[in-house]
Amino acid sequence: MRDPTSPASWVRYAVRVLESQAAAHSPRLDYVPRGDYRLRDSKETALSIKIMLERSANGCGGLGPRLLVRLYLGREPWEVFTESEKHLIRKTERRFRAELRRAGFLPDNNS
């Protein structure tokens, strides 16, 4: 599997991994190749993404990340958000993108 290349794809990856690894006997784990589970770092990566998303809220009480996740997962289209929500989503996305770049998940714009 290729690494995700955008903030939205990193959020979808984190949600998929955390949901699939929540239950030890989840049928979603069937496609994962057999091997030493301790060598896979997918859960740690997903948790890092989640923490960075929460950190990007910075002062909005967690509303920005919740709106961003609803948008990224396709639960609600862009048109249903109010102007203030759209502003909050843009602001949170900028911070989240900066966090992803700082952590090395996204390439730097200068390169």
PDB file of N, CA and C in Angstrom:
ATOM      1  N   MET A   1       0.825  -1.176   0.000  1.00  0.00           N
ATOM      2  CA  MET A   1       0.000   0.000   0.000  1.00  0.00           C
ATOM      3  C   MET A   1       0.874   1.246   0.000  1.00  0.00           C
ATOM      4  N   ARG A   2       0.525   2.216  -0.825  1.00  0.00           N
ATOM      5  CA  ARG A   2       1.241   3.479  -0.851  1.00  0.00           C
ATOM      6  C   ARG A   2       0.878   4.312   0.368  1.00  0.00           C
ATOM      7  N   ASP A   3       1.788   5.191   0.754  1.00  0.00           N
ATOM      8  CA  ASP A   3       1.478   6.112   1.837  1.00  0.00           C
ATOM      9  C   ASP A   3       0.463   7.134   1.358  1.00  0.00           C
ATOM     10  N   PRO A   4      -0.442   7.552   2.233  1.00  0.00           N
ATOM     11  CA  PRO A   4      -1.368   8.619   1.870  1.00  0.00           C
ATOM     12  C   PRO A   4      -0.600   9.898   1.520  1.00  0.00           C
ATOM     13  N   THR A   5      -1.193  10.727   0.669  1.00  0.00           N
ATOM     14  CA  THR A   5      -0.480  11.910   0.186  1.00  0.00           C
ATOM     15  C   THR A   5      -1.174  13.231   0.502  1.00  0.00           C
ATOM     16  N   SER A   6      -2.291  13.196   1.212  1.00  0.00           N
ATOM     17  CA  SER A   6      -2.998  14.426   1.553  1.00  0.00           C
ATOM     18  C   SER A   6      -3.517  14.322   2.984  1.00  0.00           C
ATOM     19  N   PRO A   7      -3.865  15.442   3.598  1.00  0.00           N
ATOM     20  CA  PRO A   7      -4.439  15.376   4.949  1.00  0.00           C
ATOM     21  C   PRO A   7      -5.700  14.515   5.000  1.00  0.00           C
ATOM     22  N   ALA A   8      -6.552  14.628   3.979  1.00  0.00           N
ATOM     23  CA  ALA A   8      -7.791  13.841   3.960  1.00  0.00           C
ATOM     24  C   ALA A   8      -7.486  12.344   3.908  1.00  0.00           C
ATOM     25  N   SER A   9      -6.513  11.958   3.083  1.00  0.00           N
ATOM     26  CA  SER A   9      -6.202  10.527   2.985  1.00  0.00           C
ATOM     27  C   SER A   9      -5.544  10.017   4.268  1.00  0.00           C
ATOM     28  N   TRP A  10      -4.782  10.860   4.964  1.00  0.00           N
ATOM     29  CA  TRP A  10      -4.214  10.440   6.251  1.00  0.00           C
ATOM     30  C   TRP A  10      -5.305  10.238   7.288  1.00  0.00           C
ATOM     31  N   VAL A  11      -6.315  11.111   7.300  1.00  0.00           N
ATOM     32  CA  VAL A  11      -7.429  10.946   8.249  1.00  0.00           C
ATOM     33  C   VAL A  11      -8.197   9.669   7.937  1.00  0.00           C
ATOM     34  N   ARG A  12      -8.491   9.428   6.646  1.00  0.00           N
ATOM     35  CA  ARG A  12      -9.211   8.192   6.279  1.00  0.00           C
ATOM     36  C   ARG A  12      -8.399   6.957   6.676  1.00  0.00           C
ATOM     37  N   TYR A  13      -7.086   7.004   6.468  1.00  0.00           N
ATOM     38  CA  TYR A  13      -6.212   5.896   6.859  1.00  0.00           C
ATOM     39  C   TYR A  13      -6.288   5.670   8.371  1.00  0.00           C
ATOM     40  N   ALA A  14      -6.180   6.748   9.152  1.00  0.00           N
ATOM     41  CA  ALA A  14      -6.196   6.618  10.609  1.00  0.00           C
ATOM     42  C   ALA A  14      -7.523   6.047  11.099  1.00  0.00           C
ATOM     43  N   VAL A  15      -8.626   6.541  10.543  1.00  0.00           N
ATOM     44  CA  VAL A  15      -9.944   6.037  10.948  1.00  0.00           C
ATOM     45  C   VAL A  15     -10.074   4.557  10.603  1.00  0.00           C
ATOM     46  N   ARG A  16      -9.647   4.190   9.387  1.00  0.00           N
ATOM     47  CA  ARG A  16      -9.755   2.780   8.962  1.00  0.00           C
ATOM     48  C   ARG A  16      -8.922   1.871   9.866  1.00  0.00           C
ATOM     49  N   VAL A  17      -7.694   2.266  10.158  1.00  0.00           N
ATOM     50  CA  VAL A  17      -6.821   1.432  10.989  1.00  0.00           C
ATOM     51  C   VAL A  17      -7.360   1.320  12.408  1.00  0.00           C
ATOM     52  N   LEU A  18      -7.752   2.443  12.994  1.00  0.00           N
ATOM     53  CA  LEU A  18      -8.230   2.405  14.377  1.00  0.00           C
ATOM     54  C   LEU A  18      -9.529   1.617  14.501  1.00  0.00           C
ATOM     55  N   GLU A  19     -10.406   1.714  13.502  1.00  0.00           N
ATOM     56  CA  GLU A  19     -11.641   0.932  13.548  1.00  0.00           C
ATOM     57  C   GLU A  19     -11.365  -0.549  13.323  1.00  0.00           C
ATOM     58  N   SER A  20     -10.464  -0.869  12.409  1.00  0.00           N
ATOM     59  CA  SER A  20     -10.211  -2.275  12.096  1.00  0.00           C
ATOM     60  C   SER A  20      -9.436  -2.973  13.199  1.00  0.00           C
ATOM     61  N   GLN A  21      -8.639  -2.229  13.945  1.00  0.00           N
ATOM     62  CA  GLN A  21      -7.850  -2.859  15.005  1.00  0.00           C
ATOM     63  C   GLN A  21      -8.499  -2.712  16.373  1.00  0.00           C
ATOM     64  N   ALA A  22      -9.701  -2.152  16.417  1.00  0.00           N
ATOM     65  CA  ALA A  22     -10.393  -1.995  17.692  1.00  0.00           C
ATOM     66  C   ALA A  22     -10.777  -3.353  18.273  1.00  0.00           C
ATOM     67  N   ALA A  23     -11.252  -4.243  17.422  1.00  0.00           N
ATOM     68  CA  ALA A  23     -11.631  -5.583  17.874  1.00  0.00           C
ATOM     69  C   ALA A  23     -10.568  -6.572  17.417  1.00  0.00           C
ATOM     70  N   ALA A  24     -10.127  -7.404  18.339  1.00  0.00           N
ATOM     71  CA  ALA A  24      -9.051  -8.351  18.018  1.00  0.00           C
ATOM     72  C   ALA A  24      -9.451  -9.354  16.947  1.00  0.00           C
ATOM     73  N   HIS A  25     -10.710  -9.695  16.857  1.00  0.00           N
ATOM     74  CA  HIS A  25     -11.155 -10.706  15.894  1.00  0.00           C
ATOM     75  C   HIS A  25     -12.010 -10.082  14.806  1.00  0.00           C
ATOM     76  N   SER A  26     -11.627  -8.907  14.391  1.00  0.00           N
ATOM     77  CA  SER A  26     -12.382  -8.190  13.367  1.00  0.00           C
ATOM     78  C   SER A  26     -12.174  -8.835  11.997  1.00  0.00           C
ATOM     79  N   PRO A  27     -13.239  -9.014  11.224  1.00  0.00           N
ATOM     80  CA  PRO A  27     -13.072  -9.563   9.878  1.00  0.00           C
ATOM     81  C   PRO A  27     -12.261  -8.638   8.970  1.00  0.00           C
ATOM     82  N   ARG A  28     -12.149  -7.357   9.332  1.00  0.00           N
ATOM     83  CA  ARG A  28     -11.369  -6.435   8.519  1.00  0.00           C
ATOM     84  C   ARG A  28      -9.879  -6.757   8.567  1.00  0.00           C
ATOM     85  N   LEU A  29      -9.442  -7.527   9.530  1.00  0.00           N
ATOM     86  CA  LEU A  29      -8.031  -7.867   9.635  1.00  0.00           C
ATOM     87  C   LEU A  29      -7.646  -9.019   8.716  1.00  0.00           C
ATOM     88  N   ASP A  30      -8.627  -9.638   8.071  1.00  0.00           N
ATOM     89  CA  ASP A  30      -8.346 -10.793   7.231  1.00  0.00           C
ATOM     90  C   ASP A  30      -7.406 -10.473   6.076  1.00  0.00           C
ATOM     91  N   TYR A  31      -7.463  -9.258   5.532  1.00  0.00           N
ATOM     92  CA  TYR A  31      -6.633  -8.921   4.377  1.00  0.00           C
ATOM     93  C   TYR A  31      -5.198  -8.574   4.761  1.00  0.00           C
ATOM     94  N   VAL A  32      -4.930  -8.399   6.045  1.00  0.00           N
ATOM     95  CA  VAL A  32      -3.576  -8.057   6.489  1.00  0.00           C
ATOM     96  C   VAL A  32      -2.707  -9.310   6.379  1.00  0.00           C
ATOM     97  N   PRO A  33      -1.564  -9.223   5.706  1.00  0.00           N
ATOM     98  CA  PRO A  33      -0.711 -10.403   5.576  1.00  0.00           C
ATOM     99  C   PRO A  33      -0.233 -10.899   6.936  1.00  0.00           C
ATOM    100  N   ARG A  34      -0.092 -12.195   7.028  1.00  0.00           N
ATOM    101  CA  ARG A  34       0.364 -12.773   8.287  1.00  0.00           C
ATOM    102  C   ARG A  34       1.806 -12.356   8.548  1.00  0.00           C
ATOM    103  N   GLY A  35       2.122 -12.201   9.773  1.00  0.00           N
ATOM    104  CA  GLY A  35       3.463 -11.786  10.159  1.00  0.00           C
ATOM    105  C   GLY A  35       3.448 -11.401  11.619  1.00  0.00           C
ATOM    106  N   ASP A  36       4.557 -10.974  12.086  1.00  0.00           N
ATOM    107  CA  ASP A  36       4.670 -10.587  13.476  1.00  0.00           C
ATOM    108  C   ASP A  36       3.954  -9.257  13.677  1.00  0.00           C
ATOM    109  N   TYR A  37       2.862  -9.268  14.435  1.00  0.00           N
ATOM    110  CA  TYR A  37       2.072  -8.066  14.619  1.00  0.00           C
ATOM    111  C   TYR A  37       2.858  -6.964  15.324  1.00  0.00           C
ATOM    112  N   ARG A  38       3.893  -7.314  16.040  1.00  0.00           N
ATOM    113  CA  ARG A  38       4.675  -6.304  16.758  1.00  0.00           C
ATOM    114  C   ARG A  38       5.531  -5.470  15.803  1.00  0.00           C
ATOM    115  N   LEU A  39       5.731  -5.967  14.591  1.00  0.00           N
ATOM    116  CA  LEU A  39       6.553  -5.239  13.629  1.00  0.00           C
ATOM    117  C   LEU A  39       5.753  -4.222  12.820  1.00  0.00           C
ATOM    118  N   ARG A  40       4.434  -4.314  12.896  1.00  0.00           N
ATOM    119  CA  ARG A  40       3.592  -3.357  12.179  1.00  0.00           C
ATOM    120  C   ARG A  40       3.396  -2.127  13.058  1.00  0.00           C
ATOM    121  N   ASP A  41       3.539  -0.974  12.480  1.00  0.00           N
ATOM    122  CA  ASP A  41       3.353   0.244  13.259  1.00  0.00           C
ATOM    123  C   ASP A  41       2.133   1.036  12.804  1.00  0.00           C
ATOM    124  N   SER A  42       1.184   0.364  12.157  1.00  0.00           N
ATOM    125  CA  SER A  42       0.026   1.065  11.619  1.00  0.00           C
ATOM    126  C   SER A  42      -0.810   1.719  12.716  1.00  0.00           C
ATOM    127  N   LYS A  43      -0.957   1.030  13.849  1.00  0.00           N
ATOM    128  CA  LYS A  43      -1.768   1.613  14.919  1.00  0.00           C
ATOM    129  C   LYS A  43      -1.087   2.840  15.513  1.00  0.00           C
ATOM    130  N   GLU A  44       0.227   2.780  15.689  1.00  0.00           N
ATOM    131  CA  GLU A  44       0.952   3.936  16.223  1.00  0.00           C
ATOM    132  C   GLU A  44       0.869   5.115  15.264  1.00  0.00           C
ATOM    133  N   THR A  45       0.966   4.826  13.968  1.00  0.00           N
ATOM    134  CA  THR A  45       0.843   5.876  12.966  1.00  0.00           C
ATOM    135  C   THR A  45      -0.549   6.496  13.029  1.00  0.00           C
ATOM    136  N   ALA A  46      -1.574   5.652  13.101  1.00  0.00           N
ATOM    137  CA  ALA A  46      -2.950   6.146  13.169  1.00  0.00           C
ATOM    138  C   ALA A  46      -3.169   6.997  14.416  1.00  0.00           C
ATOM    139  N   LEU A  47      -2.618   6.562  15.534  1.00  0.00           N
ATOM    140  CA  LEU A  47      -2.751   7.342  16.766  1.00  0.00           C
ATOM    141  C   LEU A  47      -2.022   8.677  16.654  1.00  0.00           C
ATOM    142  N   SER A  48      -0.872   8.682  15.998  1.00  0.00           N
ATOM    143  CA  SER A  48      -0.141   9.938  15.793  1.00  0.00           C
ATOM    144  C   SER A  48      -0.959  10.911  14.955  1.00  0.00           C
ATOM    145  N   ILE A  49      -1.597  10.397  13.910  1.00  0.00           N
ATOM    146  CA  ILE A  49      -2.441  11.234  13.053  1.00  0.00           C
ATOM    147  C   ILE A  49      -3.591  11.813  13.873  1.00  0.00           C
ATOM    148  N   LYS A  50      -4.217  10.970  14.679  1.00  0.00           N
ATOM    149  CA  LYS A  50      -5.339  11.417  15.506  1.00  0.00           C
ATOM    150  C   LYS A  50      -4.893  12.508  16.483  1.00  0.00           C
ATOM    151  N   ILE A  51      -3.742  12.325  17.102  1.00  0.00           N
ATOM    152  CA  ILE A  51      -3.226  13.323  18.049  1.00  0.00           C
ATOM    153  C   ILE A  51      -2.923  14.635  17.342  1.00  0.00           C
ATOM    154  N   MET A  52      -2.316  14.564  16.148  1.00  0.00           N
ATOM    155  CA  MET A  52      -2.026  15.780  15.397  1.00  0.00           C
ATOM    156  C   MET A  52      -3.312  16.507  14.999  1.00  0.00           C
ATOM    157  N   LEU A  53      -4.338  15.751  14.637  1.00  0.00           N
ATOM    158  CA  LEU A  53      -5.617  16.362  14.283  1.00  0.00           C
ATOM    159  C   LEU A  53      -6.221  17.060  15.497  1.00  0.00           C
ATOM    160  N   GLU A  54      -6.164  16.408  16.655  1.00  0.00           N
ATOM    161  CA  GLU A  54      -6.692  17.020  17.873  1.00  0.00           C
ATOM    162  C   GLU A  54      -5.884  18.261  18.255  1.00  0.00           C
ATOM    163  N   ARG A  55      -4.577  18.208  18.077  1.00  0.00           N
ATOM    164  CA  ARG A  55      -3.710  19.339  18.394  1.00  0.00           C
ATOM    165  C   ARG A  55      -4.004  20.531  17.484  1.00  0.00           C
ATOM    166  N   SER A  56      -4.430  20.260  16.274  1.00  0.00           N
ATOM    167  CA  SER A  56      -4.712  21.342  15.330  1.00  0.00           C
ATOM    168  C   SER A  56      -5.971  22.119  15.707  1.00  0.00           C
ATOM    169  N   ALA A  57      -6.765  21.615  16.646  1.00  0.00           N
ATOM    170  CA  ALA A  57      -7.974  22.315  17.093  1.00  0.00           C
ATOM    171  C   ALA A  57      -7.615  23.639  17.751  1.00  0.00           C
ATOM    172  N   ASN A  58      -6.675  23.622  18.657  1.00  0.00           N
ATOM    173  CA  ASN A  58      -6.105  24.801  19.308  1.00  0.00           C
ATOM    174  C   ASN A  58      -7.089  25.943  19.527  1.00  0.00           C
ATOM    175  N   GLY A  59      -7.936  25.782  20.503  1.00  0.00           N
ATOM    176  CA  GLY A  59      -8.801  26.882  20.890  1.00  0.00           C
ATOM    177  C   GLY A  59     -10.232  26.805  20.394  1.00  0.00           C
ATOM    178  N   CYS A  60     -10.563  25.839  19.578  1.00  0.00           N
ATOM    179  CA  CYS A  60     -11.953  25.776  19.105  1.00  0.00           C
ATOM    180  C   CYS A  60     -12.717  24.653  19.795  1.00  0.00           C
ATOM    181  N   GLY A  61     -12.148  24.099  20.840  1.00  0.00           N
ATOM    182  CA  GLY A  61     -12.864  23.111  21.632  1.00  0.00           C
ATOM    183  C   GLY A  61     -13.122  21.796  20.930  1.00  0.00           C
ATOM    184  N   GLY A  62     -12.390  21.497  19.886  1.00  0.00           N
ATOM    185  CA  GLY A  62     -12.555  20.227  19.196  1.00  0.00           C
ATOM    186  C   GLY A  62     -13.567  20.246  18.071  1.00  0.00           C
ATOM    187  N   LEU A  63     -14.231  21.377  17.873  1.00  0.00           N
ATOM    188  CA  LEU A  63     -15.234  21.442  16.806  1.00  0.00           C
ATOM    189  C   LEU A  63     -14.585  21.379  15.430  1.00  0.00           C
ATOM    190  N   GLY A  64     -13.468  22.071  15.233  1.00  0.00           N
ATOM    191  CA  GLY A  64     -12.780  22.069  13.936  1.00  0.00           C
ATOM    192  C   GLY A  64     -12.422  20.676  13.452  1.00  0.00           C
ATOM    193  N   PRO A  65     -11.738  19.873  14.285  1.00  0.00           N
ATOM    194  CA  PRO A  65     -11.418  18.512  13.852  1.00  0.00           C
ATOM    195  C   PRO A  65     -12.650  17.652  13.572  1.00  0.00           C
ATOM    196  N   ARG A  66     -13.699  17.820  14.369  1.00  0.00           N
ATOM    197  CA  ARG A  66     -14.918  17.028  14.125  1.00  0.00           C
ATOM    198  C   ARG A  66     -15.532  17.391  12.774  1.00  0.00           C
ATOM    199  N   LEU A  67     -15.573  18.692  12.479  1.00  0.00           N
ATOM    200  CA  LEU A  67     -16.103  19.117  11.175  1.00  0.00           C
ATOM    201  C   LEU A  67     -15.223  18.615  10.045  1.00  0.00           C
ATOM    202  N   LEU A  68     -13.905  18.695  10.241  1.00  0.00           N
ATOM    203  CA  LEU A  68     -12.961  18.254   9.219  1.00  0.00           C
ATOM    204  C   LEU A  68     -13.114  16.763   8.930  1.00  0.00           C
ATOM    205  N   VAL A  69     -13.276  15.967   9.978  1.00  0.00           N
ATOM    206  CA  VAL A  69     -13.459  14.518   9.796  1.00  0.00           C
ATOM    207  C   VAL A  69     -14.766  14.245   9.064  1.00  0.00           C
ATOM    208  N   ARG A  70     -15.827  14.952   9.427  1.00  0.00           N
ATOM    209  CA  ARG A  70     -17.104  14.749   8.719  1.00  0.00           C
ATOM    210  C   ARG A  70     -16.962  15.057   7.240  1.00  0.00           C
ATOM    211  N   LEU A  71     -16.198  16.111   6.916  1.00  0.00           N
ATOM    212  CA  LEU A  71     -15.970  16.468   5.520  1.00  0.00           C
ATOM    213  C   LEU A  71     -15.090  15.438   4.826  1.00  0.00           C
ATOM    214  N   TYR A  72     -13.965  15.080   5.449  1.00  0.00           N
ATOM    215  CA  TYR A  72     -13.010  14.144   4.844  1.00  0.00           C
ATOM    216  C   TYR A  72     -13.596  12.751   4.628  1.00  0.00           C
ATOM    217  N   LEU A  73     -14.438  12.306   5.538  1.00  0.00           N
ATOM    218  CA  LEU A  73     -15.008  10.965   5.397  1.00  0.00           C
ATOM    219  C   LEU A  73     -16.231  10.953   4.490  1.00  0.00           C
ATOM    220  N   GLY A  74     -16.599  12.105   3.967  1.00  0.00           N
ATOM    221  CA  GLY A  74     -17.719  12.174   3.032  1.00  0.00           C
ATOM    222  C   GLY A  74     -19.069  12.084   3.697  1.00  0.00           C
ATOM    223  N   ARG A  75     -19.110  12.319   5.002  1.00  0.00           N
ATOM    224  CA  ARG A  75     -20.396  12.239   5.696  1.00  0.00           C
ATOM    225  C   ARG A  75     -21.273  13.434   5.365  1.00  0.00           C
ATOM    226  N   GLU A  76     -20.638  14.574   5.084  1.00  0.00           N
ATOM    227  CA  GLU A  76     -21.385  15.775   4.712  1.00  0.00           C
ATOM    228  C   GLU A  76     -20.625  16.508   3.613  1.00  0.00           C
ATOM    229  N   PRO A  77     -21.331  16.969   2.595  1.00  0.00           N
ATOM    230  CA  PRO A  77     -20.659  17.731   1.533  1.00  0.00           C
ATOM    231  C   PRO A  77     -20.329  19.149   2.010  1.00  0.00           C
ATOM    232  N   TRP A  78     -19.404  19.788   1.321  1.00  0.00           N
ATOM    233  CA  TRP A  78     -18.933  21.126   1.664  1.00  0.00           C
ATOM    234  C   TRP A  78     -20.089  22.133   1.729  1.00  0.00           C
ATOM    235  N   GLU A  79     -21.083  21.976   0.882  1.00  0.00           N
ATOM    236  CA  GLU A  79     -22.167  22.945   0.768  1.00  0.00           C
ATOM    237  C   GLU A  79     -23.042  23.031   2.012  1.00  0.00           C
ATOM    238  N   VAL A  80     -23.094  21.988   2.838  1.00  0.00           N
ATOM    239  CA  VAL A  80     -23.998  22.016   3.993  1.00  0.00           C
ATOM    240  C   VAL A  80     -23.418  22.786   5.182  1.00  0.00           C
ATOM    241  N   PHE A  81     -22.144  23.097   5.150  1.00  0.00           N
ATOM    242  CA  PHE A  81     -21.540  23.817   6.257  1.00  0.00           C
ATOM    243  C   PHE A  81     -21.833  25.309   6.148  1.00  0.00           C
ATOM    244  N   THR A  82     -22.006  25.962   7.288  1.00  0.00           N
ATOM    245  CA  THR A  82     -22.208  27.408   7.311  1.00  0.00           C
ATOM    246  C   THR A  82     -20.873  28.093   7.022  1.00  0.00           C
ATOM    247  N   GLU A  83     -20.922  29.406   6.774  1.00  0.00           N
ATOM    248  CA  GLU A  83     -19.684  30.145   6.491  1.00  0.00           C
ATOM    249  C   GLU A  83     -18.721  30.103   7.675  1.00  0.00           C
ATOM    250  N   SER A  84     -19.243  30.199   8.887  1.00  0.00           N
ATOM    251  CA  SER A  84     -18.350  30.144  10.058  1.00  0.00           C
ATOM    252  C   SER A  84     -17.731  28.756  10.210  1.00  0.00           C
ATOM    253  N   GLU A  85     -18.507  27.716   9.898  1.00  0.00           N
ATOM    254  CA  GLU A  85     -17.954  26.361   9.947  1.00  0.00           C
ATOM    255  C   GLU A  85     -16.902  26.166   8.860  1.00  0.00           C
ATOM    256  N   LYS A  86     -17.151  26.706   7.670  1.00  0.00           N
ATOM    257  CA  LYS A  86     -16.166  26.600   6.587  1.00  0.00           C
ATOM    258  C   LYS A  86     -14.869  27.310   6.959  1.00  0.00           C
ATOM    259  N   HIS A  87     -14.993  28.466   7.593  1.00  0.00           N
ATOM    260  CA  HIS A  87     -13.807  29.194   8.043  1.00  0.00           C
ATOM    261  C   HIS A  87     -13.028  28.354   9.061  1.00  0.00           C
ATOM    262  N   LEU A  88     -13.744  27.753   9.994  1.00  0.00           N
ATOM    263  CA  LEU A  88     -13.116  26.917  11.014  1.00  0.00           C
ATOM    264  C   LEU A  88     -12.458  25.681  10.387  1.00  0.00           C
ATOM    265  N   ILE A  89     -13.102  25.086   9.394  1.00  0.00           N
ATOM    266  CA  ILE A  89     -12.543  23.924   8.697  1.00  0.00           C
ATOM    267  C   ILE A  89     -11.248  24.306   7.984  1.00  0.00           C
ATOM    268  N   ARG A  90     -11.272  25.429   7.270  1.00  0.00           N
ATOM    269  CA  ARG A  90     -10.055  25.874   6.565  1.00  0.00           C
ATOM    270  C   ARG A  90      -8.904  26.127   7.532  1.00  0.00           C
ATOM    271  N   LYS A  91      -9.217  26.794   8.630  1.00  0.00           N
ATOM    272  CA  LYS A  91      -8.204  27.113   9.645  1.00  0.00           C
ATOM    273  C   LYS A  91      -7.623  25.832  10.256  1.00  0.00           C
ATOM    274  N   THR A  92      -8.509  24.898  10.599  1.00  0.00           N
ATOM    275  CA  THR A  92      -8.064  23.631  11.186  1.00  0.00           C
ATOM    276  C   THR A  92      -7.257  22.834  10.183  1.00  0.00           C
ATOM    277  N   GLU A  93      -7.667  22.837   8.914  1.00  0.00           N
ATOM    278  CA  GLU A  93      -6.945  22.090   7.884  1.00  0.00           C
ATOM    279  C   GLU A  93      -5.535  22.650   7.681  1.00  0.00           C
ATOM    280  N   ARG A  94      -5.400  23.973   7.702  1.00  0.00           N
ATOM    281  CA  ARG A  94      -4.070  24.577   7.575  1.00  0.00           C
ATOM    282  C   ARG A  94      -3.158  24.136   8.714  1.00  0.00           C
ATOM    283  N   ARG A  95      -3.683  24.165   9.927  1.00  0.00           N
ATOM    284  CA  ARG A  95      -2.891  23.744  11.082  1.00  0.00           C
ATOM    285  C   ARG A  95      -2.553  22.259  11.015  1.00  0.00           C
ATOM    286  N   PHE A  96      -3.534  21.449  10.605  1.00  0.00           N
ATOM    287  CA  PHE A  96      -3.321  20.008  10.503  1.00  0.00           C
ATOM    288  C   PHE A  96      -2.273  19.687   9.437  1.00  0.00           C
ATOM    289  N   ARG A  97      -2.377  20.373   8.294  1.00  0.00           N
ATOM    290  CA  ARG A  97      -1.392  20.172   7.225  1.00  0.00           C
ATOM    291  C   ARG A  97       0.011  20.539   7.709  1.00  0.00           C
ATOM    292  N   ALA A  98       0.113  21.631   8.468  1.00  0.00           N
ATOM    293  CA  ALA A  98       1.412  22.046   9.013  1.00  0.00           C
ATOM    294  C   ALA A  98       1.948  21.003   9.994  1.00  0.00           C
ATOM    295  N   GLU A  99       1.072  20.446  10.819  1.00  0.00           N
ATOM    296  CA  GLU A  99       1.479  19.386  11.758  1.00  0.00           C
ATOM    297  C   GLU A  99       1.986  18.161  10.993  1.00  0.00           C
ATOM    298  N   LEU A 100       1.277  17.784   9.927  1.00  0.00           N
ATOM    299  CA  LEU A 100       1.684  16.621   9.132  1.00  0.00           C
ATOM    300  C   LEU A 100       3.048  16.865   8.479  1.00  0.00           C
ATOM    301  N   ARG A 101       3.262  18.066   7.977  1.00  0.00           N
ATOM    302  CA  ARG A 101       4.566  18.393   7.373  1.00  0.00           C
ATOM    303  C   ARG A 101       5.675  18.354   8.412  1.00  0.00           C
ATOM    304  N   ARG A 102       5.412  18.949   9.568  1.00  0.00           N
ATOM    305  CA  ARG A 102       6.413  19.000  10.637  1.00  0.00           C
ATOM    306  C   ARG A 102       6.814  17.593  11.085  1.00  0.00           C
ATOM    307  N   ALA A 103       5.857  16.667  11.085  1.00  0.00           N
ATOM    308  CA  ALA A 103       6.124  15.298  11.510  1.00  0.00           C
ATOM    309  C   ALA A 103       6.670  14.422  10.375  1.00  0.00           C
ATOM    310  N   GLY A 104       6.716  14.952   9.149  1.00  0.00           N
ATOM    311  CA  GLY A 104       7.253  14.194   8.034  1.00  0.00           C
ATOM    312  C   GLY A 104       6.256  13.316   7.289  1.00  0.00           C
ATOM    313  N   PHE A 105       4.966  13.496   7.545  1.00  0.00           N
ATOM    314  CA  PHE A 105       3.945  12.711   6.856  1.00  0.00           C
ATOM    315  C   PHE A 105       3.644  13.266   5.468  1.00  0.00           C
ATOM    316  N   LEU A 106       3.860  14.574   5.293  1.00  0.00           N
ATOM    317  CA  LEU A 106       3.666  15.211   3.995  1.00  0.00           C
ATOM    318  C   LEU A 106       4.975  15.842   3.560  1.00  0.00           C
ATOM    319  N   PRO A 107       5.223  15.899   2.253  1.00  0.00           N
ATOM    320  CA  PRO A 107       6.451  16.538   1.786  1.00  0.00           C
ATOM    321  C   PRO A 107       6.406  18.042   2.053  1.00  0.00           C
ATOM    322  N   ASP A 108       7.574  18.617   2.242  1.00  0.00           N
ATOM    323  CA  ASP A 108       7.691  20.052   2.472  1.00  0.00           C
ATOM    324  C   ASP A 108       7.442  20.796   1.166  1.00  0.00           C
ATOM    325  N   ASN A 109       6.781  21.939   1.222  1.00  0.00           N
ATOM    326  CA  ASN A 109       6.517  22.733   0.013  1.00  0.00           C
ATOM    327  C   ASN A 109       7.776  23.253  -0.633  1.00  0.00           C
ATOM    328  N   ASN A 110       8.836  23.427   0.153  1.00  0.00           N
ATOM    329  CA  ASN A 110      10.072  24.020  -0.362  1.00  0.00           C
ATOM    330  C   ASN A 110      10.904  23.046  -1.184  1.00  0.00           C
ATOM    331  N   SER A 111      10.562  21.758  -1.148  1.00  0.00           N
ATOM    332  CA  SER A 111      11.394  20.796  -1.886  1.00  0.00           C
ATOM    333  C   SER A 111      10.877  20.541  -3.271  1.00  0.00           C
TER     334      SER A 111
END
